[in-house]
Amino acid sequence: MNTTHWSLRWVTPGFAALALLLGAPTFAQDYPNKPLRMIIGYAPGGIVDFVGRTVAIRLSEVIGQPVVPDNRTGAGGTIATQAVLNAPADGYTILAMDAALVINPILQDKTPYQLKDLQTVSMLGAGPMMVAVHPSVPVKNIRELIDYARANPGKLNFASAGTGTAAHLTGELFRLRTQTEMTHVAYKGAGPAMADLIAGQVQLAFASIAGALPFQRDGKLRGLATTGAQRPSAVPDLPTVIEAGLPGFAAELWVAAVVPAGVPAPIVAQLNGYLRKAMAHPSMRSDLAKFAVEPRDGDVDQTANYMRAEQEKWSSVIRDAKLKGAN
């Protein structure tokens, strides 16, 4: 297993401001003076795509420059991450990515990047997942799902947007906590995963509420529970997994913004400020609430601390589940 430790670098806004006052390079003072590119780690249709595109619109309004979404799919977000690292370290290319960002270097024996190659900027949004099954699965709640999985080891396949995503590892966490045997099926994005779940090619998913809710409403999927600590307003009738009998079981889909580690500190601080202003837009909360996602922001330190905690959490799941690349 690759044993890379957390090493995302950050600068505090105060330090960056001081650098500007003391004569930071002109390019930082002029930033941004051309369009930005928001690389999104998955195909259209998932929470990362939705949050990334919504933030891109508001960020464009804040900075007065276009922010162009660019979906780069495959390899659990690794392709998108590599695309960002191949871009100039000038703050004009941003990666919108989920937990796979911190998971891949641990899960995979070889990745084209290490965490030290990246620098946190800000959180963007987060929300719980829905445990959703195809209607052909004869269960109506989490307890029945556990009983069915135990009685039919290996019969249930659960889909995710890719290996190493939060949805994948949430499924592994569920499998470990319930002592059941299920098989993970990775897709190149949440959209393709949802399409096969609806078609019955896979039986189960720990899906974004945004992706699952429309199909739950028309009967093409059956929602069993949500994975947050509390019930989201979008589906208040569904219990949490905790309420359904698994104490302490909580996981969320989150999206953060990162840039290459070589981006100058003053630009990172400026970009953090722009993103936080975009997240504070009056319509942002209502826009994201439609999909059970809450706006999240934070300074560079807070973002790095949150992502460090997520890495530690999922590292233990990778180890306990004996996933590829785990010791």
C-alpha atoms as a PDB file:
ATOM      1  CA  MET A   1       0.000   0.000   0.000  1.00  0.00           C
ATOM      2  CA  ASN A   2       1.109   3.515  -0.640  1.00  0.00           C
ATOM      3  CA  THR A   3       1.605   4.947   2.848  1.00  0.00           C
ATOM      4  CA  THR A   4       1.656   8.607   1.882  1.00  0.00           C
ATOM      5  CA  HIS A   5       0.715  10.778   4.840  1.00  0.00           C
ATOM      6  CA  TRP A   6      -1.436  13.857   4.591  1.00  0.00           C
ATOM      7  CA  SER A   7       0.688  16.664   3.237  1.00  0.00           C
ATOM      8  CA  LEU A   8      -1.586  19.125   1.476  1.00  0.00           C
ATOM      9  CA  ARG A   9      -0.004  22.524   1.939  1.00  0.00           C
ATOM     10  CA  TRP A  10      -1.844  25.667   2.845  1.00  0.00           C
ATOM     11  CA  VAL A  11      -1.319  29.319   3.691  1.00  0.00           C
ATOM     12  CA  THR A  12      -3.320  31.396   6.105  1.00  0.00           C
ATOM     13  CA  PRO A  13      -5.249  34.374   4.756  1.00  0.00           C
ATOM     14  CA  GLY A  14      -3.339  36.618   7.176  1.00  0.00           C
ATOM     15  CA  PHE A  15       0.012  35.542   5.775  1.00  0.00           C
ATOM     16  CA  ALA A  16      -1.211  36.040   2.224  1.00  0.00           C
ATOM     17  CA  ALA A  17      -2.520  39.495   3.032  1.00  0.00           C
ATOM     18  CA  LEU A  18       0.831  40.422   4.584  1.00  0.00           C
ATOM     19  CA  ALA A  19       2.613  39.198   1.478  1.00  0.00           C
ATOM     20  CA  LEU A  20       0.443  41.454  -0.645  1.00  0.00           C
ATOM     21  CA  LEU A  21       1.165  44.457   1.565  1.00  0.00           C
ATOM     22  CA  LEU A  22       4.889  43.806   1.438  1.00  0.00           C
ATOM     23  CA  GLY A  23       4.942  43.753  -2.318  1.00  0.00           C
ATOM     24  CA  ALA A  24       3.628  40.498  -3.762  1.00  0.00           C
ATOM     25  CA  PRO A  25       4.223  39.990  -7.462  1.00  0.00           C
ATOM     26  CA  THR A  26       2.073  42.001  -9.857  1.00  0.00           C
ATOM     27  CA  PHE A  27       0.495  38.820 -11.221  1.00  0.00           C
ATOM     28  CA  ALA A  28      -1.095  38.181  -7.829  1.00  0.00           C
ATOM     29  CA  GLN A  29      -2.500  41.704  -7.623  1.00  0.00           C
ATOM     30  CA  ASP A  30      -3.939  41.357 -11.131  1.00  0.00           C
ATOM     31  CA  TYR A  31      -5.494  37.952 -10.466  1.00  0.00           C
ATOM     32  CA  PRO A  32      -7.741  36.983 -12.099  1.00  0.00           C
ATOM     33  CA  ASN A  33      -7.428  38.711 -15.459  1.00  0.00           C
ATOM     34  CA  LYS A  34      -8.625  35.867 -17.695  1.00  0.00           C
ATOM     35  CA  PRO A  35     -11.136  32.982 -17.558  1.00  0.00           C
ATOM     36  CA  LEU A  36     -10.747  30.203 -14.996  1.00  0.00           C
ATOM     37  CA  ARG A  37     -11.297  26.515 -15.576  1.00  0.00           C
ATOM     38  CA  MET A  38     -13.170  24.368 -13.029  1.00  0.00           C
ATOM     39  CA  ILE A  39     -12.180  20.755 -13.634  1.00  0.00           C
ATOM     40  CA  ILE A  40     -14.815  18.362 -12.304  1.00  0.00           C
ATOM     41  CA  GLY A  41     -13.775  14.850 -11.381  1.00  0.00           C
ATOM     42  CA  TYR A  42     -16.838  12.986 -12.666  1.00  0.00           C
ATOM     43  CA  ALA A  43     -19.397  12.799 -15.448  1.00  0.00           C
ATOM     44  CA  PRO A  44     -22.448  15.086 -15.465  1.00  0.00           C
ATOM     45  CA  GLY A  45     -25.296  14.040 -13.210  1.00  0.00           C
ATOM     46  CA  GLY A  46     -23.605  13.565  -9.843  1.00  0.00           C
ATOM     47  CA  ILE A  47     -23.145  15.744  -6.790  1.00  0.00           C
ATOM     48  CA  VAL A  48     -19.589  16.796  -7.682  1.00  0.00           C
ATOM     49  CA  ASP A  49     -20.759  17.957 -11.107  1.00  0.00           C
ATOM     50  CA  PHE A  50     -23.795  19.747  -9.684  1.00  0.00           C
ATOM     51  CA  VAL A  51     -21.885  21.546  -6.938  1.00  0.00           C
ATOM     52  CA  GLY A  52     -18.971  22.365  -9.240  1.00  0.00           C
ATOM     53  CA  ARG A  53     -21.201  23.900 -11.902  1.00  0.00           C
ATOM     54  CA  THR A  54     -23.312  25.832  -9.396  1.00  0.00           C
ATOM     55  CA  VAL A  55     -20.209  27.269  -7.735  1.00  0.00           C
ATOM     56  CA  ALA A  56     -18.680  28.082 -11.127  1.00  0.00           C
ATOM     57  CA  ILE A  57     -21.665  30.297 -11.977  1.00  0.00           C
ATOM     58  CA  ARG A  58     -21.457  32.254  -8.728  1.00  0.00           C
ATOM     59  CA  LEU A  59     -17.664  32.462  -8.790  1.00  0.00           C
ATOM     60  CA  SER A  60     -17.849  33.947 -12.277  1.00  0.00           C
ATOM     61  CA  GLU A  61     -20.142  36.664 -10.960  1.00  0.00           C
ATOM     62  CA  VAL A  62     -17.758  37.396  -8.082  1.00  0.00           C
ATOM     63  CA  ILE A  63     -14.574  37.690 -10.135  1.00  0.00           C
ATOM     64  CA  GLY A  64     -16.030  39.146 -13.331  1.00  0.00           C
ATOM     65  CA  GLN A  65     -14.439  36.425 -15.454  1.00  0.00           C
ATOM     66  CA  PRO A  66     -15.906  33.252 -16.980  1.00  0.00           C
ATOM     67  CA  VAL A  67     -15.404  30.059 -14.967  1.00  0.00           C
ATOM     68  CA  VAL A  68     -15.668  27.180 -17.414  1.00  0.00           C
ATOM     69  CA  PRO A  69     -16.691  23.718 -16.109  1.00  0.00           C
ATOM     70  CA  ASP A  70     -14.635  20.876 -17.577  1.00  0.00           C
ATOM     71  CA  ASN A  71     -15.651  17.283 -16.788  1.00  0.00           C
ATOM     72  CA  ARG A  72     -12.746  14.824 -16.763  1.00  0.00           C
ATOM     73  CA  THR A  73     -14.026  11.349 -15.967  1.00  0.00           C
ATOM     74  CA  GLY A  74     -12.466   8.035 -15.066  1.00  0.00           C
ATOM     75  CA  ALA A  75     -10.194   6.299 -12.570  1.00  0.00           C
ATOM     76  CA  GLY A  76     -12.151   7.524  -9.543  1.00  0.00           C
ATOM     77  CA  GLY A  77     -11.212  11.143 -10.150  1.00  0.00           C
ATOM     78  CA  THR A  78      -7.531  10.494 -10.776  1.00  0.00           C
ATOM     79  CA  ILE A  79      -7.745  11.609 -14.410  1.00  0.00           C
ATOM     80  CA  ALA A  80      -9.221  14.950 -13.356  1.00  0.00           C
ATOM     81  CA  THR A  81      -6.607  15.393 -10.637  1.00  0.00           C
ATOM     82  CA  GLN A  82      -3.805  14.716 -13.085  1.00  0.00           C
ATOM     83  CA  ALA A  83      -5.300  17.241 -15.524  1.00  0.00           C
ATOM     84  CA  VAL A  84      -5.118  19.923 -12.842  1.00  0.00           C
ATOM     85  CA  LEU A  85      -1.530  19.054 -11.968  1.00  0.00           C
ATOM     86  CA  ASN A  86      -0.583  19.248 -15.636  1.00  0.00           C
ATOM     87  CA  ALA A  87      -1.944  22.798 -15.834  1.00  0.00           C
ATOM     88  CA  PRO A  88       0.169  25.851 -14.958  1.00  0.00           C
ATOM     89  CA  ALA A  89       0.296  26.526 -11.207  1.00  0.00           C
ATOM     90  CA  ASP A  90      -1.159  29.987 -11.591  1.00  0.00           C
ATOM     91  CA  GLY A  91      -4.584  29.713  -9.952  1.00  0.00           C
ATOM     92  CA  TYR A  92      -6.507  29.603 -13.207  1.00  0.00           C
ATOM     93  CA  THR A  93      -7.239  25.873 -13.014  1.00  0.00           C
ATOM     94  CA  ILE A  94      -9.258  24.595 -10.038  1.00  0.00           C
ATOM     95  CA  LEU A  95     -10.230  21.022  -9.200  1.00  0.00           C
ATOM     96  CA  ALA A  96     -13.683  20.338  -7.732  1.00  0.00           C
ATOM     97  CA  MET A  97     -13.338  16.924  -6.169  1.00  0.00           C
ATOM     98  CA  ASP A  98     -14.751  14.636  -3.493  1.00  0.00           C
ATOM     99  CA  ALA A  99     -13.216  12.288  -0.920  1.00  0.00           C
ATOM    100  CA  ALA A 100     -11.511  10.249  -3.649  1.00  0.00           C
ATOM    101  CA  LEU A 101      -8.935  13.022  -3.717  1.00  0.00           C
ATOM    102  CA  VAL A 102      -7.536  11.937  -0.347  1.00  0.00           C
ATOM    103  CA  ILE A 103      -8.417   8.268  -0.711  1.00  0.00           C
ATOM    104  CA  ASN A 104      -6.746   7.359  -4.010  1.00  0.00           C
ATOM    105  CA  PRO A 105      -3.121   7.716  -2.838  1.00  0.00           C
ATOM    106  CA  ILE A 106      -3.881   5.261  -0.027  1.00  0.00           C
ATOM    107  CA  LEU A 107      -6.197   2.880  -1.853  1.00  0.00           C
ATOM    108  CA  GLN A 108      -4.056   2.533  -4.965  1.00  0.00           C
ATOM    109  CA  ASP A 109      -0.509   1.196  -5.053  1.00  0.00           C
ATOM    110  CA  LYS A 110       0.371   3.639  -7.815  1.00  0.00           C
ATOM    111  CA  THR A 111      -1.215   7.015  -8.465  1.00  0.00           C
ATOM    112  CA  PRO A 112      -0.010   9.786 -10.785  1.00  0.00           C
ATOM    113  CA  TYR A 113      -0.075  12.216  -7.865  1.00  0.00           C
ATOM    114  CA  GLN A 114       0.680  12.478  -4.183  1.00  0.00           C
ATOM    115  CA  LEU A 115      -1.117  14.682  -1.697  1.00  0.00           C
ATOM    116  CA  LYS A 116       1.926  16.920  -1.398  1.00  0.00           C
ATOM    117  CA  ASP A 117       1.341  17.895  -5.026  1.00  0.00           C
ATOM    118  CA  LEU A 118      -1.930  19.616  -4.102  1.00  0.00           C
ATOM    119  CA  GLN A 119      -3.025  22.562  -2.035  1.00  0.00           C
ATOM    120  CA  THR A 120      -6.393  23.074  -0.399  1.00  0.00           C
ATOM    121  CA  VAL A 121      -8.411  26.189  -1.151  1.00  0.00           C
ATOM    122  CA  SER A 122     -11.923  25.862   0.279  1.00  0.00           C
ATOM    123  CA  MET A 123     -14.798  23.511   0.976  1.00  0.00           C
ATOM    124  CA  LEU A 124     -17.741  23.929  -1.398  1.00  0.00           C
ATOM    125  CA  GLY A 125     -20.623  21.727  -0.257  1.00  0.00           C
ATOM    126  CA  ALA A 126     -21.637  18.509   1.462  1.00  0.00           C
ATOM    127  CA  GLY A 127     -24.670  16.320   2.024  1.00  0.00           C
ATOM    128  CA  PRO A 128     -25.694  12.804   3.059  1.00  0.00           C
ATOM    129  CA  MET A 129     -26.281   9.871   0.742  1.00  0.00           C
ATOM    130  CA  MET A 130     -29.391   7.772   0.244  1.00  0.00           C
ATOM    131  CA  VAL A 131     -29.293   4.005   0.611  1.00  0.00           C
ATOM    132  CA  ALA A 132     -31.326   3.072  -2.474  1.00  0.00           C
ATOM    133  CA  VAL A 133     -32.248  -0.336  -3.857  1.00  0.00           C
ATOM    134  CA  HIS A 134     -33.843  -1.529  -7.074  1.00  0.00           C
ATOM    135  CA  PRO A 135     -37.522  -2.454  -6.506  1.00  0.00           C
ATOM    136  CA  SER A 136     -36.721  -6.083  -7.325  1.00  0.00           C
ATOM    137  CA  VAL A 137     -34.801  -6.341  -4.040  1.00  0.00           C
ATOM    138  CA  PRO A 138     -37.372  -7.593  -1.490  1.00  0.00           C
ATOM    139  CA  VAL A 139     -36.540  -5.201   1.330  1.00  0.00           C
ATOM    140  CA  LYS A 140     -38.206  -2.065   2.685  1.00  0.00           C
ATOM    141  CA  ASN A 141     -35.836  -0.906   5.387  1.00  0.00           C
ATOM    142  CA  ILE A 142     -32.237  -1.200   6.559  1.00  0.00           C
ATOM    143  CA  ARG A 143     -32.946  -4.085   8.917  1.00  0.00           C
ATOM    144  CA  GLU A 144     -34.474  -6.107   6.088  1.00  0.00           C
ATOM    145  CA  LEU A 145     -31.559  -5.193   3.822  1.00  0.00           C
ATOM    146  CA  ILE A 146     -29.074  -6.517   6.363  1.00  0.00           C
ATOM    147  CA  ASP A 147     -31.056  -9.725   6.848  1.00  0.00           C
ATOM    148  CA  TYR A 148     -31.386 -10.236   3.090  1.00  0.00           C
ATOM    149  CA  ALA A 149     -27.667  -9.629   2.491  1.00  0.00           C
ATOM    150  CA  ARG A 150     -26.734 -12.107   5.209  1.00  0.00           C
ATOM    151  CA  ALA A 151     -29.094 -14.716   3.782  1.00  0.00           C
ATOM    152  CA  ASN A 152     -27.786 -14.151   0.243  1.00  0.00           C
ATOM    153  CA  PRO A 153     -24.018 -13.590   0.517  1.00  0.00           C
ATOM    154  CA  GLY A 154     -22.552 -12.153  -2.668  1.00  0.00           C
ATOM    155  CA  LYS A 155     -25.924 -11.687  -4.357  1.00  0.00           C
ATOM    156  CA  LEU A 156     -26.085  -7.909  -3.884  1.00  0.00           C
ATOM    157  CA  ASN A 157     -23.957  -5.666  -6.092  1.00  0.00           C
ATOM    158  CA  PHE A 158     -23.634  -2.020  -5.098  1.00  0.00           C
ATOM    159  CA  ALA A 159     -22.739   0.724  -7.562  1.00  0.00           C
ATOM    160  CA  SER A 160     -20.630   3.841  -7.143  1.00  0.00           C
ATOM    161  CA  ALA A 161     -19.208   6.646  -9.266  1.00  0.00           C
ATOM    162  CA  GLY A 162     -15.793   5.016  -9.061  1.00  0.00           C
ATOM    163  CA  THR A 163     -13.328   3.117  -6.908  1.00  0.00           C
ATOM    164  CA  GLY A 164     -12.248   5.172  -3.927  1.00  0.00           C
ATOM    165  CA  THR A 165     -15.202   7.540  -3.944  1.00  0.00           C
ATOM    166  CA  ALA A 166     -17.098   8.264  -0.750  1.00  0.00           C
ATOM    167  CA  ALA A 167     -20.056   6.283  -2.096  1.00  0.00           C
ATOM    168  CA  HIS A 168     -17.807   3.264  -2.632  1.00  0.00           C
ATOM    169  CA  LEU A 169     -16.223   3.400   0.800  1.00  0.00           C
ATOM    170  CA  THR A 170     -19.561   4.081   2.477  1.00  0.00           C
ATOM    171  CA  GLY A 171     -20.720   0.803   0.979  1.00  0.00           C
ATOM    172  CA  GLU A 172     -17.614  -0.897   2.314  1.00  0.00           C
ATOM    173  CA  LEU A 173     -18.196   0.655   5.738  1.00  0.00           C
ATOM    174  CA  PHE A 174     -21.777  -0.628   5.692  1.00  0.00           C
ATOM    175  CA  ARG A 175     -20.574  -4.078   4.697  1.00  0.00           C
ATOM    176  CA  LEU A 176     -18.058  -4.118   7.540  1.00  0.00           C
ATOM    177  CA  ARG A 177     -20.471  -2.826  10.160  1.00  0.00           C
ATOM    178  CA  THR A 178     -23.214  -5.293   9.178  1.00  0.00           C
ATOM    179  CA  GLN A 179     -20.891  -8.241   8.517  1.00  0.00           C
ATOM    180  CA  THR A 180     -22.436  -8.840   5.108  1.00  0.00           C
ATOM    181  CA  GLU A 181     -20.967  -9.846   1.763  1.00  0.00           C
ATOM    182  CA  MET A 182     -21.680  -7.481  -1.136  1.00  0.00           C
ATOM    183  CA  THR A 183     -19.771  -6.739  -4.342  1.00  0.00           C
ATOM    184  CA  HIS A 184     -18.731  -3.254  -5.431  1.00  0.00           C
ATOM    185  CA  VAL A 185     -19.218  -2.250  -9.079  1.00  0.00           C
ATOM    186  CA  ALA A 186     -17.376   0.925 -10.131  1.00  0.00           C
ATOM    187  CA  TYR A 187     -18.617   3.261 -12.870  1.00  0.00           C
ATOM    188  CA  LYS A 188     -17.190   6.345 -14.567  1.00  0.00           C
ATOM    189  CA  GLY A 189     -19.474   8.729 -12.757  1.00  0.00           C
ATOM    190  CA  ALA A 190     -22.715   8.815 -10.797  1.00  0.00           C
ATOM    191  CA  GLY A 191     -24.869   9.095 -13.905  1.00  0.00           C
ATOM    192  CA  PRO A 192     -23.859   5.738 -15.419  1.00  0.00           C
ATOM    193  CA  ALA A 193     -24.069   4.097 -11.980  1.00  0.00           C
ATOM    194  CA  MET A 194     -27.608   5.377 -11.480  1.00  0.00           C
ATOM    195  CA  ALA A 195     -28.643   4.245 -14.969  1.00  0.00           C
ATOM    196  CA  ASP A 196     -27.597   0.655 -14.243  1.00  0.00           C
ATOM    197  CA  LEU A 197     -29.247   0.727 -10.821  1.00  0.00           C
ATOM    198  CA  ILE A 198     -32.535   1.802 -12.377  1.00  0.00           C
ATOM    199  CA  ALA A 199     -32.167  -0.918 -15.011  1.00  0.00           C
ATOM    200  CA  GLY A 200     -31.588  -3.538 -12.319  1.00  0.00           C
ATOM    201  CA  GLN A 201     -28.067  -4.378 -13.482  1.00  0.00           C
ATOM    202  CA  VAL A 202     -26.960  -3.641  -9.912  1.00  0.00           C
ATOM    203  CA  GLN A 203     -29.172  -3.875  -6.860  1.00  0.00           C
ATOM    204  CA  LEU A 204     -27.998  -1.190  -4.474  1.00  0.00           C
ATOM    205  CA  ALA A 205     -26.226   2.154  -4.211  1.00  0.00           C
ATOM    206  CA  PHE A 206     -25.168   4.654  -1.606  1.00  0.00           C
ATOM    207  CA  ALA A 207     -26.162   7.451  -3.926  1.00  0.00           C
ATOM    208  CA  SER A 208     -26.405  11.201  -3.785  1.00  0.00           C
ATOM    209  CA  ILE A 209     -29.901  12.289  -2.870  1.00  0.00           C
ATOM    210  CA  ALA A 210     -29.835  14.534  -5.930  1.00  0.00           C
ATOM    211  CA  GLY A 211     -29.358  11.516  -8.172  1.00  0.00           C
ATOM    212  CA  ALA A 212     -31.690   9.099  -6.412  1.00  0.00           C
ATOM    213  CA  LEU A 213     -34.642  11.224  -5.315  1.00  0.00           C
ATOM    214  CA  PRO A 214     -36.396  11.661  -8.696  1.00  0.00           C
ATOM    215  CA  PHE A 215     -36.340   7.909  -9.275  1.00  0.00           C
ATOM    216  CA  GLN A 216     -37.487   7.172  -5.749  1.00  0.00           C
ATOM    217  CA  ARG A 217     -40.479   9.442  -6.305  1.00  0.00           C
ATOM    218  CA  ASP A 218     -41.586   7.652  -9.480  1.00  0.00           C
ATOM    219  CA  GLY A 219     -41.048   4.190  -8.020  1.00  0.00           C
ATOM    220  CA  LYS A 220     -37.991   3.201 -10.029  1.00  0.00           C
ATOM    221  CA  LEU A 221     -35.927   3.046  -6.820  1.00  0.00           C
ATOM    222  CA  ARG A 222     -36.728   2.401  -3.186  1.00  0.00           C
ATOM    223  CA  GLY A 223     -35.046   4.639  -0.640  1.00  0.00           C
ATOM    224  CA  LEU A 224     -34.297   2.915   2.657  1.00  0.00           C
ATOM    225  CA  ALA A 225     -32.368   5.484   4.699  1.00  0.00           C
ATOM    226  CA  THR A 226     -29.952   8.393   4.560  1.00  0.00           C
ATOM    227  CA  THR A 227     -26.361   8.387   5.808  1.00  0.00           C
ATOM    228  CA  GLY A 228     -26.090  11.685   7.667  1.00  0.00           C
ATOM    229  CA  ALA A 229     -26.256  12.330  11.381  1.00  0.00           C
ATOM    230  CA  GLN A 230     -29.667  13.937  10.886  1.00  0.00           C
ATOM    231  CA  ARG A 231     -32.516  13.584   8.411  1.00  0.00           C
ATOM    232  CA  PRO A 232     -32.165  16.003   5.489  1.00  0.00           C
ATOM    233  CA  SER A 233     -35.084  18.283   4.655  1.00  0.00           C
ATOM    234  CA  ALA A 234     -35.238  16.844   1.128  1.00  0.00           C
ATOM    235  CA  VAL A 235     -36.329  13.409   2.402  1.00  0.00           C
ATOM    236  CA  PRO A 236     -37.572  13.877   5.983  1.00  0.00           C
ATOM    237  CA  ASP A 237     -39.609  10.668   5.811  1.00  0.00           C
ATOM    238  CA  LEU A 238     -36.530   8.479   5.499  1.00  0.00           C
ATOM    239  CA  PRO A 239     -34.721   7.498   8.713  1.00  0.00           C
ATOM    240  CA  THR A 240     -30.990   7.809   9.039  1.00  0.00           C
ATOM    241  CA  VAL A 241     -28.918   4.646   9.101  1.00  0.00           C
ATOM    242  CA  ILE A 242     -28.214   5.495  12.729  1.00  0.00           C
ATOM    243  CA  GLU A 243     -31.938   5.539  13.505  1.00  0.00           C
ATOM    244  CA  ALA A 244     -32.302   2.260  11.638  1.00  0.00           C
ATOM    245  CA  GLY A 245     -30.000   0.544  14.104  1.00  0.00           C
ATOM    246  CA  LEU A 246     -26.331   1.249  13.285  1.00  0.00           C
ATOM    247  CA  PRO A 247     -25.076   3.669  15.965  1.00  0.00           C
ATOM    248  CA  GLY A 248     -22.401   6.102  14.829  1.00  0.00           C
ATOM    249  CA  PHE A 249     -22.800   5.295  11.141  1.00  0.00           C
ATOM    250  CA  ALA A 250     -22.428   8.616   9.320  1.00  0.00           C
ATOM    251  CA  ALA A 251     -20.953   9.519   5.955  1.00  0.00           C
ATOM    252  CA  GLU A 252     -21.406  12.401   3.585  1.00  0.00           C
ATOM    253  CA  LEU A 253     -20.578  13.353   0.049  1.00  0.00           C
ATOM    254  CA  TRP A 254     -18.438  16.469   0.092  1.00  0.00           C
ATOM    255  CA  VAL A 255     -16.863  18.629  -2.558  1.00  0.00           C
ATOM    256  CA  ALA A 256     -13.775  20.769  -2.081  1.00  0.00           C
ATOM    257  CA  ALA A 257     -11.638  23.014  -4.262  1.00  0.00           C
ATOM    258  CA  VAL A 258      -7.909  22.402  -4.604  1.00  0.00           C
ATOM    259  CA  VAL A 259      -5.125  23.674  -6.840  1.00  0.00           C
ATOM    260  CA  PRO A 260      -1.566  22.562  -7.591  1.00  0.00           C
ATOM    261  CA  ALA A 261       0.823  23.068  -4.687  1.00  0.00           C
ATOM    262  CA  GLY A 262       2.905  25.538  -6.687  1.00  0.00           C
ATOM    263  CA  VAL A 263       0.204  28.198  -6.846  1.00  0.00           C
ATOM    264  CA  PRO A 264       1.557  31.281  -5.013  1.00  0.00           C
ATOM    265  CA  ALA A 265       0.196  31.810  -1.502  1.00  0.00           C
ATOM    266  CA  PRO A 266      -1.338  35.233  -2.226  1.00  0.00           C
ATOM    267  CA  ILE A 267      -3.350  33.780  -5.100  1.00  0.00           C
ATOM    268  CA  VAL A 268      -4.552  30.879  -2.953  1.00  0.00           C
ATOM    269  CA  ALA A 269      -5.748  33.380  -0.345  1.00  0.00           C
ATOM    270  CA  GLN A 270      -7.488  35.485  -2.989  1.00  0.00           C
ATOM    271  CA  LEU A 271      -9.183  32.440  -4.505  1.00  0.00           C
ATOM    272  CA  ASN A 272     -10.321  31.280  -1.070  1.00  0.00           C
ATOM    273  CA  GLY A 273     -11.921  34.676  -0.507  1.00  0.00           C
ATOM    274  CA  TYR A 274     -13.633  34.631  -3.887  1.00  0.00           C
ATOM    275  CA  LEU A 275     -15.013  31.141  -3.321  1.00  0.00           C
ATOM    276  CA  ARG A 276     -16.293  31.978   0.149  1.00  0.00           C
ATOM    277  CA  LYS A 277     -18.035  35.028  -1.264  1.00  0.00           C
ATOM    278  CA  ALA A 278     -19.592  32.852  -3.974  1.00  0.00           C
ATOM    279  CA  MET A 279     -20.781  30.340  -1.366  1.00  0.00           C
ATOM    280  CA  ALA A 280     -22.395  33.206   0.581  1.00  0.00           C
ATOM    281  CA  HIS A 281     -24.581  34.227  -2.368  1.00  0.00           C
ATOM    282  CA  PRO A 282     -28.214  34.560  -1.167  1.00  0.00           C
ATOM    283  CA  SER A 283     -29.467  31.874  -3.560  1.00  0.00           C
ATOM    284  CA  MET A 284     -26.683  29.366  -2.957  1.00  0.00           C
ATOM    285  CA  ARG A 285     -28.303  27.691   0.037  1.00  0.00           C
ATOM    286  CA  SER A 286     -31.666  27.303  -1.685  1.00  0.00           C
ATOM    287  CA  ASP A 287     -30.012  26.125  -4.912  1.00  0.00           C
ATOM    288  CA  LEU A 288     -28.064  23.398  -3.144  1.00  0.00           C
ATOM    289  CA  ALA A 289     -30.887  22.503  -0.745  1.00  0.00           C
ATOM    290  CA  LYS A 290     -32.914  21.185  -3.668  1.00  0.00           C
ATOM    291  CA  PHE A 291     -30.378  18.361  -3.769  1.00  0.00           C
ATOM    292  CA  ALA A 292     -29.887  17.901  -0.009  1.00  0.00           C
ATOM    293  CA  VAL A 293     -26.519  19.637  -0.168  1.00  0.00           C
ATOM    294  CA  GLU A 294     -25.458  22.408   2.181  1.00  0.00           C
ATOM    295  CA  PRO A 295     -22.997  25.138   1.221  1.00  0.00           C
ATOM    296  CA  ARG A 296     -19.676  24.703   2.990  1.00  0.00           C
ATOM    297  CA  ASP A 297     -16.749  27.047   3.097  1.00  0.00           C
ATOM    298  CA  GLY A 298     -13.830  27.665   5.396  1.00  0.00           C
ATOM    299  CA  ASP A 299     -10.360  29.089   5.321  1.00  0.00           C
ATOM    300  CA  VAL A 300      -7.495  27.066   3.958  1.00  0.00           C
ATOM    301  CA  ASP A 301      -6.576  25.619   7.358  1.00  0.00           C
ATOM    302  CA  GLN A 302     -10.128  24.538   8.167  1.00  0.00           C
ATOM    303  CA  THR A 303     -10.466  22.855   4.796  1.00  0.00           C
ATOM    304  CA  ALA A 304      -7.201  20.978   5.206  1.00  0.00           C
ATOM    305  CA  ASN A 305      -8.171  19.843   8.706  1.00  0.00           C
ATOM    306  CA  TYR A 306     -11.522  18.518   7.508  1.00  0.00           C
ATOM    307  CA  MET A 307      -9.918  16.646   4.639  1.00  0.00           C
ATOM    308  CA  ARG A 308      -7.270  15.219   6.958  1.00  0.00           C
ATOM    309  CA  ALA A 309      -9.998  13.832   9.226  1.00  0.00           C
ATOM    310  CA  GLU A 310     -11.744  12.299   6.208  1.00  0.00           C
ATOM    311  CA  GLN A 311      -8.522  10.666   5.092  1.00  0.00           C
ATOM    312  CA  GLU A 312      -8.006   9.101   8.504  1.00  0.00           C
ATOM    313  CA  LYS A 313     -11.583   7.830   8.597  1.00  0.00           C
ATOM    314  CA  TRP A 314     -11.500   6.195   5.193  1.00  0.00           C
ATOM    315  CA  SER A 315      -7.980   4.865   5.653  1.00  0.00           C
ATOM    316  CA  SER A 316      -9.263   2.647   8.433  1.00  0.00           C
ATOM    317  CA  VAL A 317     -12.081   1.386   6.197  1.00  0.00           C
ATOM    318  CA  ILE A 318      -9.600   0.587   3.426  1.00  0.00           C
ATOM    319  CA  ARG A 319      -7.444  -1.325   5.878  1.00  0.00           C
ATOM    320  CA  ASP A 320     -10.289  -3.219   7.557  1.00  0.00           C
ATOM    321  CA  ALA A 321     -11.962  -4.078   4.260  1.00  0.00           C
ATOM    322  CA  LYS A 322      -8.616  -5.284   2.852  1.00  0.00           C
ATOM    323  CA  LEU A 323      -9.166  -3.326  -0.306  1.00  0.00           C
ATOM    324  CA  LYS A 324      -6.641  -3.191  -3.131  1.00  0.00           C
ATOM    325  CA  GLY A 325      -3.480  -1.501  -1.967  1.00  0.00           C
ATOM    326  CA  ALA A 326      -4.322  -1.884   1.740  1.00  0.00           C
ATOM    327  CA  ASN A 327      -1.969  -3.531   4.188  1.00  0.00           C
END
